[in-house]
Protein backbone atom coordinates (compact mmCIF):
# COMPACT_ATOMS: atom_id res chain seq x y z
CA MET A 1 22.90 5.20 -3.75
CA THR A 2 23.56 1.51 -3.37
CA ASP A 3 26.39 0.31 -5.60
CA ALA A 4 24.68 -2.90 -6.65
CA VAL A 5 26.16 -3.36 -10.12
CA THR A 6 26.78 -7.06 -10.58
CA THR A 7 26.62 -7.44 -14.34
CA PRO A 8 29.82 -6.83 -16.37
CA GLY A 9 29.65 -3.65 -18.37
CA ALA A 10 27.03 -1.95 -16.21
CA GLU A 11 27.52 1.82 -15.91
CA ARG A 12 26.91 3.65 -12.66
CA ILE A 13 23.89 5.95 -12.58
CA ASP A 14 24.93 9.28 -11.09
CA SER A 15 22.09 9.82 -8.64
CA GLU A 16 21.27 9.54 -4.96
CA GLU A 17 18.86 6.72 -5.75
CA ALA A 18 18.61 5.22 -9.22
CA CYS A 19 15.14 4.15 -10.33
CA PHE A 20 14.62 1.78 -13.26
CA VAL A 21 11.27 2.44 -14.94
CA SER A 22 9.66 -0.38 -16.88
CA ALA A 23 6.76 0.49 -19.19
CA PRO A 24 5.23 -0.57 -22.52
CA ALA A 25 6.59 1.22 -25.57
CA GLY A 26 4.94 4.52 -26.34
CA VAL A 27 3.43 5.15 -22.89
CA ASP A 28 3.61 8.77 -21.73
CA LEU A 29 5.86 8.76 -18.64
CA LYS A 30 6.37 12.51 -18.24
CA THR A 31 4.16 12.81 -15.16
CA LEU A 32 5.59 9.71 -13.49
CA SER A 33 9.18 10.79 -14.18
CA ALA A 34 8.54 14.25 -12.76
CA GLU A 35 7.06 12.82 -9.56
CA LEU A 36 9.94 10.36 -9.14
CA ARG A 37 12.44 13.22 -9.43
CA ALA A 38 10.43 15.24 -6.92
CA VAL A 39 11.05 12.60 -4.24
CA GLY A 40 14.78 12.33 -4.92
CA LEU A 41 14.86 9.49 -7.45
CA ARG A 42 16.62 9.46 -10.82
CA PRO A 43 14.39 7.59 -13.31
CA TYR A 44 15.87 5.83 -16.31
CA GLN A 45 14.76 3.22 -18.83
CA LEU A 46 16.48 0.39 -20.63
CA GLU A 47 17.04 2.51 -23.74
CA ASP A 48 18.92 5.10 -21.67
CA VAL A 49 21.62 2.72 -20.48
CA ALA A 50 21.59 -0.27 -22.85
CA ARG A 51 25.08 -1.24 -23.95
CA LEU A 52 25.46 -1.78 -27.67
CA GLY A 53 26.32 -5.37 -28.51
CA ASN A 54 24.52 -6.92 -25.53
CA SER A 55 21.53 -9.19 -26.00
CA LEU A 56 18.15 -7.88 -24.87
CA ALA A 57 18.14 -10.19 -21.85
CA GLU A 58 21.63 -9.09 -20.85
CA GLY A 59 20.68 -5.45 -21.26
CA VAL A 60 17.56 -5.78 -19.09
CA LYS A 61 19.41 -7.62 -16.34
CA SER A 62 22.26 -5.09 -16.39
CA ALA A 63 19.86 -2.12 -16.27
CA ILE A 64 17.89 -3.53 -13.34
CA ALA A 65 20.98 -4.68 -11.44
CA ARG A 66 22.19 -1.12 -11.01
CA ALA A 67 18.88 0.22 -9.71
CA ASP A 68 18.01 1.01 -6.11
CA LEU A 69 14.32 0.82 -6.93
CA VAL A 70 12.25 -0.58 -9.81
CA VAL A 71 9.00 1.11 -10.86
CA ALA A 72 6.76 -0.83 -13.23
CA ALA A 73 3.95 0.91 -15.11
CA LEU A 74 0.88 -1.19 -15.92
CA PRO A 75 -1.48 0.82 -18.15
CA LYS A 76 -4.95 -0.60 -18.72
CA SER A 77 -5.02 0.07 -22.46
CA ARG A 78 -1.62 -1.40 -23.40
CA GLU A 79 -0.06 -4.85 -23.53
CA TYR A 80 2.49 -5.03 -20.69
CA ALA A 81 3.96 -8.54 -20.93
CA ASN A 82 7.45 -7.02 -21.18
CA VAL A 83 6.84 -5.11 -17.94
CA LEU A 84 5.93 -8.31 -16.09
CA PHE A 85 9.06 -9.98 -17.52
CA GLU A 86 11.23 -7.14 -16.23
CA ALA A 87 9.43 -7.14 -12.87
CA GLY A 88 10.21 -10.85 -12.61
CA ILE A 89 13.90 -10.14 -13.14
CA ALA A 90 13.72 -7.46 -10.43
CA VAL A 91 12.22 -10.02 -8.04
CA GLY A 92 15.04 -12.44 -8.87
CA LEU A 93 17.61 -9.72 -8.19
CA GLU A 94 15.84 -8.90 -4.89
CA LYS A 95 15.08 -5.31 -5.88
CA PRO A 96 12.27 -3.37 -4.20
CA ILE A 97 9.40 -2.87 -6.65
CA VAL A 98 6.64 -0.30 -6.99
CA LEU A 99 3.79 -1.02 -9.41
CA ILE A 100 1.80 1.88 -10.84
CA ALA A 101 -1.33 0.01 -11.92
CA GLU A 102 -4.10 1.94 -13.63
CA PRO A 103 -7.63 1.25 -12.34
CA GLY A 104 -9.00 -1.90 -13.96
CA THR A 105 -5.58 -3.47 -14.42
CA LYS A 106 -5.12 -6.96 -13.01
CA VAL A 107 -1.92 -7.39 -11.00
CA PRO A 108 -0.52 -10.96 -10.90
CA SER A 109 -0.60 -12.43 -7.40
CA ASP A 110 3.09 -13.30 -7.74
CA LEU A 111 3.84 -9.57 -7.52
CA SER A 112 1.74 -8.96 -4.42
CA MET A 113 4.91 -8.29 -2.43
CA ALA A 114 5.38 -5.05 -4.35
CA LEU A 115 4.02 -1.69 -3.26
CA ILE A 116 1.02 -1.23 -5.56
CA ILE A 117 -0.23 2.26 -6.41
CA LYS A 118 -3.64 2.26 -8.08
CA ALA A 119 -3.59 5.41 -10.20
CA HIS A 120 -3.55 6.62 -13.77
CA LEU A 121 -0.05 7.37 -15.04
CA THR A 122 -1.10 10.99 -15.56
CA ASP A 123 -2.54 11.40 -12.04
CA ALA A 124 0.26 13.44 -10.50
CA GLU A 125 -1.57 14.01 -7.20
CA ALA A 126 -2.15 10.31 -6.45
CA ILE A 127 1.36 9.27 -7.51
CA ARG A 128 2.97 12.06 -5.50
CA PHE A 129 1.04 11.18 -2.33
CA ALA A 130 1.95 7.50 -2.60
CA LEU A 131 5.64 8.15 -3.29
CA GLU A 132 5.98 10.77 -0.55
CA SER A 133 4.21 8.53 1.96
CA MET A 134 6.19 5.43 1.02
CA PRO A 135 8.38 4.23 3.89
CA ARG A 136 12.01 5.18 3.34
CA ARG A 137 12.98 1.59 4.06
CA ARG A 138 11.83 0.79 0.52
CA THR A 139 15.27 -0.60 -0.34
CA ALA A 140 14.85 -3.45 2.14
CA ALA A 141 13.74 -5.92 -0.51
CA VAL A 142 14.59 -9.08 1.37
CA ARG A 143 12.14 -9.98 4.13
CA SER A 144 13.19 -11.89 7.22
CA GLY A 145 10.16 -14.15 7.01
CA LYS A 146 9.20 -13.18 10.56
CA PRO A 147 6.32 -10.88 11.53
CA THR A 148 7.39 -7.31 12.28
CA GLY A 149 4.17 -6.20 14.01
CA HIS A 150 3.21 -6.75 17.62
CA PRO A 151 0.16 -6.43 19.93
CA LEU A 152 -0.37 -3.26 21.94
CA GLY A 153 -0.96 -4.89 25.30
CA ARG A 154 -1.73 -2.30 27.98
CA TYR A 155 -1.33 0.54 25.49
CA ALA A 156 -4.63 -0.59 23.90
CA ASP A 157 -6.32 -0.04 27.28
CA GLU A 158 -4.76 3.42 27.47
CA LEU A 159 -6.16 4.30 24.04
CA LEU A 160 -9.57 2.89 24.95
CA GLY A 161 -9.50 4.97 28.15
CA ARG A 162 -8.63 8.06 26.13
CA LEU A 163 -11.54 7.32 23.79
CA SER A 164 -13.94 6.87 26.73
CA ASP A 165 -12.82 10.13 28.38
CA GLN A 166 -13.20 12.13 25.19
CA LEU A 167 -16.65 10.71 24.56
CA SER A 168 -17.70 11.53 28.13
CA ASP A 169 -16.34 15.07 27.88
CA LYS A 170 -17.90 15.47 24.42
CA THR A 171 -14.50 16.45 23.04
CA PHE A 172 -14.27 13.52 20.65
CA THR A 173 -13.97 14.57 17.00
CA GLU A 174 -13.15 12.93 13.69
CA HIS A 175 -9.63 14.30 13.98
CA ALA A 176 -9.28 12.70 17.42
CA ALA A 177 -10.50 9.36 16.05
CA ILE A 178 -7.98 9.38 13.22
CA GLU A 179 -5.18 10.32 15.62
CA LEU A 180 -6.17 7.41 17.90
CA LEU A 181 -6.08 5.09 14.90
CA ARG A 182 -2.70 6.39 13.80
CA SER A 183 -1.25 6.06 17.31
CA ALA A 184 -2.45 2.46 17.58
CA ILE A 185 -1.20 1.46 14.12
CA ASP A 186 2.21 3.10 14.54
CA ALA A 187 2.66 1.50 17.98
CA SER A 188 1.86 -1.89 16.45
CA GLY A 189 4.82 -1.69 14.05
CA ALA A 190 3.19 -0.34 10.88
CA ILE A 191 3.40 3.12 9.32
CA ALA A 192 0.21 5.19 9.12
CA VAL A 193 0.12 8.38 7.06
CA ARG A 194 -2.77 10.83 6.98
CA ASP A 195 -4.11 11.73 3.54
CA ASN A 196 -3.83 15.47 2.95
CA THR A 197 -4.65 15.36 -0.76
CA ASN A 198 -8.43 14.71 -0.71
CA LEU A 199 -8.06 11.35 -2.44
CA GLY A 200 -11.02 9.95 -0.51
CA PHE A 201 -9.55 8.18 2.49
CA ASP A 202 -8.23 9.15 5.90
CA LEU A 203 -5.14 7.00 6.42
CA GLY A 204 -2.74 5.04 4.25
CA VAL A 205 -0.99 2.19 6.08
CA TRP A 206 2.23 0.45 5.08
CA ALA A 207 3.24 -2.77 6.84
CA ASP A 208 5.52 -5.56 5.69
CA ASP A 209 3.20 -8.03 7.41
CA LEU A 210 0.32 -7.05 5.09
CA GLU A 211 2.20 -7.93 1.91
CA SER A 212 1.32 -11.63 2.04
CA ILE A 213 -2.40 -10.80 1.68
CA GLY A 214 -1.87 -8.09 -0.95
CA ALA A 215 -2.86 -5.25 1.38
CA ASN A 216 0.30 -3.15 1.40
CA PRO A 217 -0.59 -0.29 1.40
CA LEU A 218 -4.01 -0.45 3.04
CA VAL A 219 -6.40 2.50 2.92
CA ILE A 220 -8.60 3.33 5.92
CA GLU A 221 -11.67 5.51 6.09
CA TYR A 222 -13.22 6.56 9.39
CA LYS A 223 -16.84 7.62 9.90
CA ALA A 224 -18.69 8.41 13.12
CA ASN A 225 -21.61 6.29 11.97
CA ARG A 226 -21.69 2.94 10.25
CA ASP A 227 -24.57 4.15 8.06
CA PHE A 228 -21.94 5.62 5.71
CA ILE A 229 -20.62 2.17 4.77
CA ASN A 230 -22.59 1.95 1.52
CA THR A 231 -21.28 5.31 0.34
CA THR A 232 -17.75 4.24 1.23
CA PHE A 233 -18.25 1.00 -0.67
CA GLU A 234 -19.18 2.86 -3.84
CA GLU A 235 -16.33 5.34 -3.54
CA HIS A 236 -13.68 2.65 -3.18
CA ARG A 237 -15.23 0.47 -5.88
CA ARG A 238 -14.90 3.35 -8.34
CA ARG A 239 -11.29 3.70 -7.24
CA ASN A 240 -10.80 -0.04 -7.78
CA ALA A 241 -9.13 -0.44 -4.38
CA ARG A 242 -7.64 -3.86 -3.70
CA LEU A 243 -8.54 -3.80 -0.01
CA ALA A 244 -9.95 -1.12 2.26
CA LEU A 245 -10.82 -0.87 5.94
CA PHE A 246 -13.89 1.03 7.14
CA VAL A 247 -13.69 2.03 10.83
CA TYR A 248 -16.74 3.51 12.54
CA LEU A 249 -17.57 4.78 16.01
CA ASN A 250 -21.11 3.49 16.41
CA ASP A 251 -24.02 1.83 14.64
CA SER A 252 -27.23 3.84 14.88
CA SER A 253 -29.30 0.84 13.84
CA GLY A 254 -27.97 -1.26 16.72
CA GLN A 255 -27.07 -4.04 14.29
CA LYS A 256 -23.75 -5.66 13.53
CA PRO A 257 -22.21 -4.83 10.16
CA ALA A 258 -23.47 -6.76 7.17
CA LYS A 259 -21.30 -9.45 5.67
CA THR A 260 -18.46 -8.12 3.53
CA GLY A 261 -17.14 -10.10 0.63
CA ILE A 262 -13.64 -10.72 -0.71
CA GLY A 263 -14.84 -11.11 -4.29
CA GLU A 264 -14.70 -8.20 -6.73
CA PHE A 265 -14.46 -5.63 -3.96
CA PRO A 266 -13.34 -6.48 -0.41
CA LEU A 267 -14.37 -3.73 2.00
CA LEU A 268 -13.72 -4.72 5.61
CA ALA A 269 -15.58 -3.07 8.49
CA ILE A 270 -14.96 -2.86 12.23
CA SER A 271 -15.83 -0.47 15.04
CA LEU A 272 -13.08 1.64 16.58
CA THR A 273 -13.63 0.05 19.98
CA SER A 274 -13.48 -3.48 18.55
CA LEU A 275 -10.30 -2.68 16.63
CA LEU A 276 -8.48 -1.26 19.66
CA SER A 277 -9.68 -4.15 21.83
CA ALA A 278 -8.48 -6.72 19.31
CA MET A 279 -5.09 -5.01 19.09
CA ARG A 280 -4.58 -5.68 22.78
CA SER A 281 -3.54 -9.23 21.86
CA GLN A 282 -2.96 -9.00 18.09
CA SER A 283 -0.91 -6.75 15.84
CA PHE A 284 -2.75 -4.46 13.43
CA ALA A 285 -1.77 -6.70 10.50
CA GLU A 286 -3.09 -9.77 12.33
CA VAL A 287 -6.44 -8.06 12.92
CA VAL A 288 -6.70 -7.07 9.24
CA ARG A 289 -5.79 -10.58 8.10
CA HIS A 290 -8.41 -12.02 10.44
CA LEU A 291 -11.04 -9.60 9.12
CA ARG A 292 -10.11 -10.48 5.56
CA ASN A 293 -10.32 -14.21 6.20
CA LEU A 294 -13.63 -13.90 8.00
CA ALA A 295 -15.04 -11.83 5.15
CA ALA A 296 -13.69 -14.27 2.55
CA HIS A 297 -15.44 -17.17 4.26
CA GLY A 298 -18.75 -15.37 4.81
CA TYR A 299 -18.55 -14.47 8.49
CA LEU A 300 -19.48 -11.14 10.04
CA ALA A 301 -16.48 -8.82 9.93
CA ASP A 302 -17.00 -7.68 13.50
CA ASP A 303 -16.63 -11.24 14.84
CA VAL A 304 -12.90 -10.49 15.27
CA ASN A 305 -13.29 -10.36 19.07
C-alpha cells in the first residue's frame, strides 16, 4: 500500500491497497464491496474512518488522502452530488478514480480521465470483469502529458501478411481475428483483454491516450461481415456504452460503412485490414480518435486511410 497520508490525524488502513468508496447514503454496496475485496482491495467509506471532532470537509479530505484508489458509485435513481464533490477532491489529491456508473447515468466530462465502468451496482459479473481486467498501473494518477502509444511500422505489414496467409489457406477464424487485433493493440502501447464473461463484446481496451476523448476503456466487437453492424448498434445502445468500435472482415454489399454519429450513441466502424494499415503510421489511440472525429463531423468512418 502507498503511505499517502498527508492530513493530520489520518489513520493508516491496514490493507495491501486501500480503496475509498464514495456513494449516496442508503445505496446497497454489498456486491461492489465483495468484488473489490476479490481483487485485493480493502474498501472503506467516510463513516468507517471519520475522526470525531473534524469538520465534514476535513473528514472527507483525510479519508481520501489515505486511499490508494477511489471508487465512486453513481446510481441512476439517487442524487449523487456528494459523490461528485468527493470525486473532485480525489482529482485534486491526484488519486486514481474508478466510476461505477449505472446505465443511463450522465458522467460529467470533467471526470472523463477516470476509468468508467457502466454497470448496475448489483451486477457482480460486469464489475468483476472490469476490475480484474483493469491495468495494475491504476495507481499512476498523474499523466506525463505525452502520448504513450506508438505506430506499428513494419509489424503492421507482418500482421497483414499473417491475415492474408490465413485467408488464403482458409484457416482464418473469429478467434484468429481477435488475436490479430489483440496483438496489434498490445504492440501499439495499449492493453487489450479478451472478454470471457459473455458481456457482449470481444475485447476491452485500456489506454491512457484514450482518456482525453472519454474512451478508456473502449469495447471492441469483431464480426466477419459488416452486415451485423445494426445488431451491434442495438446491443451497445441497450448497454449505454460511451464509445464502441466495430471491426469487420468484409462487406458483402460492397459498400463503405454508413455514417456513424457521435450523438446519443457513437458506434465507430472500420475493417480489420483498414485498421491494421492505419496502425502502420498511427497508434491505436490515434486511429480511434481519428475515427471518432470523422464520425462526429459526419464523414465516413472508413475514411481513416
